[in-house]
Amino acid sequence: MPNSPSDSDRPCRVRIQHRGPLLVEGPVEVELEDGSTVASDRFRVALCTCRRSRRYPWCDTSHRERSRPTDKKSTT
């Protein structure tokens, strides 16, 4: 229909999460610092903002805080 909005007319939605990745509605193409590009055809992607990801620019949840085991001393 000529007057109906198409998917290409919709703005791309980016969701910012505190201490987390950027969630972007896909599909997306990301240009890296060196000029190369990576693409994903998923409906939503998580882009790493902390640079800890082993799959950068995709988030692998490396930003999550890792808790250390508590030092439990036995009282015997």
Protein backbone atom coordinates (compact mmCIF):
# COMPACT_ATOMS: atom_id res chain seq x y z
CA MET A 1 0.00 0.00 0.00
CA PRO A 2 1.53 3.36 -0.95
CA ASN A 3 0.55 5.20 2.26
CA SER A 4 1.47 2.48 4.74
CA PRO A 5 4.82 2.76 6.51
CA SER A 6 7.33 0.13 5.52
CA ASP A 7 10.03 -1.41 7.69
CA SER A 8 12.65 0.76 6.00
CA ASP A 9 10.77 3.89 7.11
CA ARG A 10 10.90 2.94 10.78
CA PRO A 11 13.81 4.29 12.81
CA CYS A 12 16.28 1.78 14.15
CA ARG A 13 15.73 1.30 17.88
CA VAL A 14 18.74 1.20 20.21
CA ARG A 15 18.26 0.38 23.88
CA ILE A 16 20.88 1.51 26.39
CA GLN A 17 21.30 -0.56 29.54
CA HIS A 18 23.17 0.55 32.64
CA ARG A 19 26.40 -1.48 32.86
CA GLY A 20 25.38 -3.61 29.91
CA PRO A 21 25.44 -3.85 26.14
CA LEU A 22 23.63 -1.72 23.60
CA LEU A 23 20.61 -3.64 22.33
CA VAL A 24 19.94 -2.87 18.68
CA GLU A 25 16.98 -4.03 16.63
CA GLY A 26 18.40 -5.92 13.67
CA PRO A 27 19.42 -6.84 11.17
CA VAL A 28 22.55 -4.73 11.59
CA GLU A 29 25.88 -4.05 9.96
CA VAL A 30 28.63 -2.71 12.24
CA GLU A 31 31.67 -0.86 10.95
CA LEU A 32 34.72 -1.49 13.13
CA GLU A 33 37.58 0.91 13.84
CA ASP A 34 39.76 -0.66 11.14
CA GLY A 35 37.05 -0.10 8.52
CA SER A 36 35.97 -3.73 8.29
CA THR A 37 32.31 -4.60 8.72
CA VAL A 38 30.48 -7.40 10.50
CA ALA A 39 26.81 -8.19 10.06
CA SER A 40 24.04 -9.99 11.88
CA ASP A 41 20.59 -10.82 10.56
CA ARG A 42 19.14 -11.48 14.02
CA PHE A 43 16.05 -9.52 15.10
CA ARG A 44 18.00 -8.02 18.03
CA VAL A 45 21.73 -7.89 18.73
CA ALA A 46 23.74 -6.93 21.80
CA LEU A 47 26.75 -4.74 21.07
CA CYS A 48 29.59 -4.80 23.59
CA THR A 49 30.40 -1.47 25.23
CA CYS A 50 33.00 -2.66 27.76
CA ARG A 51 35.38 -4.30 25.23
CA ARG A 52 35.75 -7.40 27.41
CA SER A 53 33.89 -9.61 24.95
CA ARG A 54 35.83 -12.35 23.21
CA ARG A 55 33.33 -11.97 20.34
CA TYR A 56 33.66 -8.17 20.01
CA PRO A 57 31.65 -6.25 18.78
CA TRP A 58 29.00 -8.75 19.89
CA CYS A 59 28.39 -8.98 23.63
CA ASP A 60 29.16 -12.30 25.32
CA THR A 61 28.10 -11.06 28.81
CA SER A 62 31.70 -10.54 29.95
CA HIS A 63 30.54 -7.24 31.49
CA ARG A 64 28.70 -9.06 34.26
CA GLU A 65 30.33 -8.87 37.63
CA ARG A 66 31.83 -12.11 38.75
CA SER A 67 31.40 -12.74 42.44
CA ARG A 68 34.24 -14.35 44.30
CA PRO A 69 33.54 -17.29 46.51
CA THR A 70 33.24 -16.25 50.13
CA ASP A 71 36.01 -17.29 52.46
CA LYS A 72 34.19 -19.68 54.78
CA LYS A 73 36.31 -20.63 57.73
CA SER A 74 35.21 -23.65 59.62
CA THR A 75 35.06 -23.35 63.36
CA THR A 76 36.23 -26.69 64.71
